[in-house]
Amino acid sequence: MVIFVLGSKIAASSTLPLLETVQLIELAEVFERMDALFTLLLFLGLIIKMVAFFNGP
């Protein structure tokens, strides 16, 4: 999916191609900078996974 949005050259040379794809999203010219929200969701998911791992059986 990332290759279709960014192209093969940019997707291959990018460190975080999914983050660059999220930066291209524009919704009704109001929500343009969604990369901060996406990064927050990634960290929140990481914290949930770590808590589940350490509290698991």
C-alpha atoms as a PDB file:
ATOM      1  CA  MET A   1       0.000   0.000   0.000  1.00  0.00           C
ATOM      2  CA  VAL A   2       2.816   2.401   0.832  1.00  0.00           C
ATOM      3  CA  ILE A   3       4.432   1.838  -2.567  1.00  0.00           C
ATOM      4  CA  PHE A   4       1.190   2.783  -4.332  1.00  0.00           C
ATOM      5  CA  VAL A   5       0.919   6.053  -2.399  1.00  0.00           C
ATOM      6  CA  LEU A   6       4.549   7.200  -2.285  1.00  0.00           C
ATOM      7  CA  GLY A   7       6.078   5.459  -5.260  1.00  0.00           C
ATOM      8  CA  SER A   8       8.841   2.898  -5.275  1.00  0.00           C
ATOM      9  CA  LYS A   9      11.811   5.310  -5.025  1.00  0.00           C
ATOM     10  CA  ILE A  10      10.517   7.240  -2.017  1.00  0.00           C
ATOM     11  CA  ALA A  11       9.225   4.118  -0.230  1.00  0.00           C
ATOM     12  CA  ALA A  12      12.601   2.413  -0.637  1.00  0.00           C
ATOM     13  CA  SER A  13      14.644   5.368   0.615  1.00  0.00           C
ATOM     14  CA  SER A  14      12.347   6.435   3.441  1.00  0.00           C
ATOM     15  CA  THR A  15      13.057   5.496   7.036  1.00  0.00           C
ATOM     16  CA  LEU A  16       9.381   5.582   8.078  1.00  0.00           C
ATOM     17  CA  PRO A  17       7.276   5.241   4.922  1.00  0.00           C
ATOM     18  CA  LEU A  18       4.016   4.713   6.831  1.00  0.00           C
ATOM     19  CA  LEU A  19       4.492   8.018   8.669  1.00  0.00           C
ATOM     20  CA  GLU A  20       5.131   9.817   5.384  1.00  0.00           C
ATOM     21  CA  THR A  21       1.931   8.304   3.997  1.00  0.00           C
ATOM     22  CA  VAL A  22      -0.043   9.577   6.991  1.00  0.00           C
ATOM     23  CA  GLN A  23       1.410  13.061   6.452  1.00  0.00           C
ATOM     24  CA  LEU A  24      -0.217  13.142   3.004  1.00  0.00           C
ATOM     25  CA  ILE A  25      -3.744  12.735   4.408  1.00  0.00           C
ATOM     26  CA  GLU A  26      -6.007  15.792   4.190  1.00  0.00           C
ATOM     27  CA  LEU A  27      -9.600  15.714   5.415  1.00  0.00           C
ATOM     28  CA  ALA A  28     -11.770  18.727   4.552  1.00  0.00           C
ATOM     29  CA  GLU A  29      -8.783  21.101   4.903  1.00  0.00           C
ATOM     30  CA  VAL A  30      -9.247  20.942   8.685  1.00  0.00           C
ATOM     31  CA  PHE A  31      -7.331  17.806   9.620  1.00  0.00           C
ATOM     32  CA  GLU A  32      -4.052  18.166   7.774  1.00  0.00           C
ATOM     33  CA  ARG A  33      -1.408  17.329  10.380  1.00  0.00           C
ATOM     34  CA  MET A  34      -2.463  13.850  11.442  1.00  0.00           C
ATOM     35  CA  ASP A  35       1.096  12.575  11.902  1.00  0.00           C
ATOM     36  CA  ALA A  36       1.169  13.642  15.564  1.00  0.00           C
ATOM     37  CA  LEU A  37      -2.049  11.726  16.246  1.00  0.00           C
ATOM     38  CA  PHE A  38      -0.733   8.688  14.371  1.00  0.00           C
ATOM     39  CA  THR A  39       2.523   8.729  16.346  1.00  0.00           C
ATOM     40  CA  LEU A  40       0.573   9.000  19.604  1.00  0.00           C
ATOM     41  CA  LEU A  41      -1.522   5.984  18.601  1.00  0.00           C
ATOM     42  CA  LEU A  42       1.614   3.990  17.768  1.00  0.00           C
ATOM     43  CA  PHE A  43       3.124   4.709  21.185  1.00  0.00           C
ATOM     44  CA  LEU A  44      -0.162   3.940  22.936  1.00  0.00           C
ATOM     45  CA  GLY A  45      -0.324   0.578  21.166  1.00  0.00           C
ATOM     46  CA  LEU A  46       3.281  -0.120  22.146  1.00  0.00           C
ATOM     47  CA  ILE A  47       2.539   0.621  25.799  1.00  0.00           C
ATOM     48  CA  ILE A  48      -0.510  -1.666  25.744  1.00  0.00           C
ATOM     49  CA  LYS A  49       1.552  -4.482  24.226  1.00  0.00           C
ATOM     50  CA  MET A  50       4.298  -4.042  26.832  1.00  0.00           C
ATOM     51  CA  VAL A  51       1.802  -4.092  29.716  1.00  0.00           C
ATOM     52  CA  ALA A  52       0.133  -7.208  28.312  1.00  0.00           C
ATOM     53  CA  PHE A  53       3.514  -8.899  27.878  1.00  0.00           C
ATOM     54  CA  PHE A  54       4.729  -8.168  31.403  1.00  0.00           C
ATOM     55  CA  ASN A  55       1.406  -9.039  33.062  1.00  0.00           C
ATOM     56  CA  GLY A  56       0.795 -12.191  31.050  1.00  0.00           C
ATOM     57  CA  PRO A  57       1.028 -15.702  32.493  1.00  0.00           C
END
